[in-house]
Protein backbone atom coordinates (compact mmCIF):
# COMPACT_ATOMS: atom_id res chain seq x y z
CA MET A 1 102.50 31.79 108.60
CA LYS A 2 102.73 35.28 109.82
CA ILE A 3 104.41 37.81 107.69
CA LEU A 4 106.97 40.01 109.48
CA MET A 5 105.72 43.63 109.48
CA PRO A 6 107.89 45.64 111.80
CA PHE A 7 106.13 48.93 111.48
CA GLU A 8 102.60 47.64 111.95
CA ASN A 9 102.47 48.86 115.59
CA MET A 10 103.44 52.37 114.55
CA ARG A 11 99.87 52.93 113.17
CA ILE A 12 98.80 54.12 116.65
CA TRP A 13 100.93 57.24 116.11
CA GLN A 14 99.20 58.09 112.72
CA PRO A 15 96.58 60.43 114.17
CA LEU A 16 99.30 62.65 115.66
CA PHE A 17 100.89 63.11 112.23
CA ASP A 18 97.51 63.80 110.55
CA ARG A 19 96.53 66.48 113.00
CA GLN A 20 96.00 69.93 111.29
CA GLY A 21 96.29 73.22 112.96
CA MET A 22 99.21 73.53 115.37
CA ASP A 23 102.15 72.99 113.04
CA HIS A 24 104.66 74.87 115.18
CA PRO A 25 104.98 75.40 118.82
CA GLY A 26 104.25 79.09 118.52
CA ASP A 27 100.92 78.48 116.69
CA PHE A 28 97.35 78.32 117.96
CA SER A 29 94.39 76.50 116.39
CA LEU A 30 91.84 78.48 114.32
CA ASP A 31 88.76 77.72 112.43
CA ILE A 32 87.64 79.47 109.23
CA ARG A 33 84.09 79.10 107.97
CA GLU A 34 82.43 80.57 104.87
CA THR A 35 79.30 82.79 105.57
CA GLU A 36 76.84 84.48 103.27
CA ASN A 37 78.95 87.63 103.12
CA GLY A 38 82.37 86.42 103.68
CA TRP A 39 84.31 84.31 106.20
CA GLU A 40 84.48 84.04 109.91
CA LEU A 41 87.70 83.14 111.64
CA THR A 42 87.52 81.79 115.16
CA ALA A 43 90.53 81.25 117.33
CA ASP A 44 90.67 79.91 120.97
CA LEU A 45 92.92 82.13 123.02
CA PRO A 46 92.01 81.30 126.58
CA GLY A 47 93.89 83.08 129.31
CA PHE A 48 94.89 86.14 127.21
CA GLN A 49 94.05 89.69 128.02
CA LYS A 50 92.41 91.67 125.16
CA GLU A 51 95.46 94.07 125.36
CA ASP A 52 97.80 91.21 124.63
CA ILE A 53 96.08 90.34 121.34
CA HIS A 54 97.20 92.25 118.17
CA LEU A 55 95.88 91.91 114.62
CA ASP A 56 98.01 93.53 111.85
CA LEU A 57 97.13 93.69 108.21
CA GLN A 58 99.94 94.11 105.59
CA ASN A 59 100.09 93.01 101.88
CA ASP A 60 96.85 90.85 101.95
CA TRP A 61 98.08 89.03 105.02
CA LEU A 62 96.37 89.13 108.32
CA THR A 63 98.77 88.43 111.31
CA ILE A 64 97.27 87.40 114.67
CA GLU A 65 99.73 87.68 117.53
CA ALA A 66 99.08 86.99 121.23
CA GLU A 67 101.43 87.09 124.13
CA ARG A 68 100.95 85.75 127.52
CA HIS A 69 103.39 86.64 130.37
CA SER A 70 104.10 84.52 133.39
CA ASP A 71 103.00 85.42 136.90
CA TRP A 72 106.69 85.32 137.81
CA GLU A 73 109.16 87.23 135.80
CA ASP A 74 112.24 86.45 137.74
CA LYS A 75 113.19 82.89 136.79
CA ASP A 76 115.36 82.38 139.88
CA LYS A 77 112.30 83.18 142.15
CA LYS A 78 109.33 81.16 141.16
CA GLN A 79 107.32 82.58 144.07
CA GLY A 80 106.42 79.35 145.75
CA TYR A 81 105.36 77.43 142.63
CA ILE A 82 105.72 73.76 142.96
CA ARG A 83 104.70 72.99 139.40
CA CYS A 84 104.26 75.36 136.32
CA GLU A 85 102.54 73.72 133.45
CA ARG A 86 100.72 76.68 131.86
CA SER A 87 102.52 77.91 128.66
CA PHE A 88 103.76 81.49 128.32
CA GLY A 89 105.16 83.26 125.37
CA ARG A 90 104.28 84.69 122.07
CA TYR A 91 101.96 82.97 119.65
CA HIS A 92 101.17 83.94 116.03
CA ARG A 93 99.32 82.84 112.89
CA CYS A 94 99.22 84.39 109.42
CA VAL A 95 96.10 84.16 107.13
CA ASP A 96 95.88 85.18 103.43
CA VAL A 97 93.11 87.70 103.10
CA SER A 98 93.51 88.53 99.30
CA GLY A 99 89.83 87.89 98.59
CA VAL A 100 88.60 90.05 101.58
CA GLU A 101 87.42 93.63 101.66
CA THR A 102 90.20 94.55 104.08
CA ALA A 103 88.85 97.94 104.98
CA ASP A 104 85.80 96.26 106.44
CA ILE A 105 87.54 93.61 108.69
CA THR A 106 86.09 93.54 112.31
CA ALA A 107 87.23 91.54 115.37
CA SER A 108 86.02 90.91 118.76
CA TYR A 109 87.36 88.82 121.83
CA GLU A 110 84.99 87.33 124.31
CA ASN A 111 85.35 84.54 126.92
CA GLY A 112 88.76 83.54 125.44
CA VAL A 113 87.58 83.29 121.84
CA LEU A 114 88.80 85.73 119.06
CA THR A 115 86.32 86.15 116.24
CA VAL A 116 87.32 88.03 113.03
CA GLU A 117 84.77 88.75 110.34
CA LEU A 118 86.29 88.79 106.89
CA PRO A 119 83.86 90.25 104.38
CA LYS A 120 84.25 89.19 100.66
CA LYS A 121 85.45 91.70 98.10
CA LYS A 122 82.63 93.06 96.23
CA VAL A 123 82.79 92.00 92.51
CA GLN A 124 82.29 94.84 90.14
CA LYS A 125 80.14 94.08 87.23
CA PRO A 126 81.66 95.17 83.93
CA GLU A 127 80.04 98.43 82.78
CA SER A 128 78.29 98.17 79.44
CA ARG A 129 76.96 100.95 77.21
CA ARG A 130 75.55 101.29 73.71
CA ILE A 131 77.68 103.33 71.18
CA ALA A 132 75.87 105.36 68.67
CA LEU A 133 76.66 104.97 65.02
CA THR A 134 77.25 108.04 62.90
CA ASP A 135 77.62 108.35 59.05
CA GLY A 136 81.14 108.56 57.63
CA LYS A 137 84.38 108.37 59.62
CA PRO A 138 84.24 109.01 63.33
CA GLU A 139 85.68 112.34 64.34
CA VAL A 140 88.88 112.14 66.31
CA ALA A 141 89.73 114.95 68.70
CA ALA A 142 93.00 116.74 67.88
CA PRO A 143 95.74 116.33 70.53
CA ALA A 144 96.17 119.40 72.65
CA VAL A 145 99.33 121.35 71.71
CA PRO A 146 101.06 123.38 74.45
CA VAL A 147 101.10 127.09 73.88
CA GLU A 148 104.56 128.75 74.33
CA THR A 149 104.63 132.20 75.69
CA LYS A 150 107.65 134.44 75.24
CA THR A 151 108.66 136.89 77.88
CA GLU A 152 110.72 139.85 76.93
CA ALA A 153 113.84 140.57 78.89
């Protein structure tokens, strides 16, 4: 006897739903790996010109934007194209960089790959010092009193 399982064949679609990375059409895939001194972000941006990639930092968020224009701007005249499959448009991703020394972020773009170095914030060790003991009550400095000056009219 075989039990009816109408959704059994839908398992073949599961890998598509488990895929991480491109959640929205305007996204691109990126990898972030931890290094000895911070993190390295790598994004594949093939076909983009360096001038079309922008990195902006605001409120501990790094925004990476890339825009690719089509070879033909006039949609009525596709200049002899029979098929256009390459995608054009604006792509973006935002990355939380709250644990990063933002003043030291560096980026490079080579052979279609964007690499961003994100150095970790330096942890300041709490300062400790020894306080000397004195006999009697500790002296407290008197608060400063403003001095009024009178001018004669």
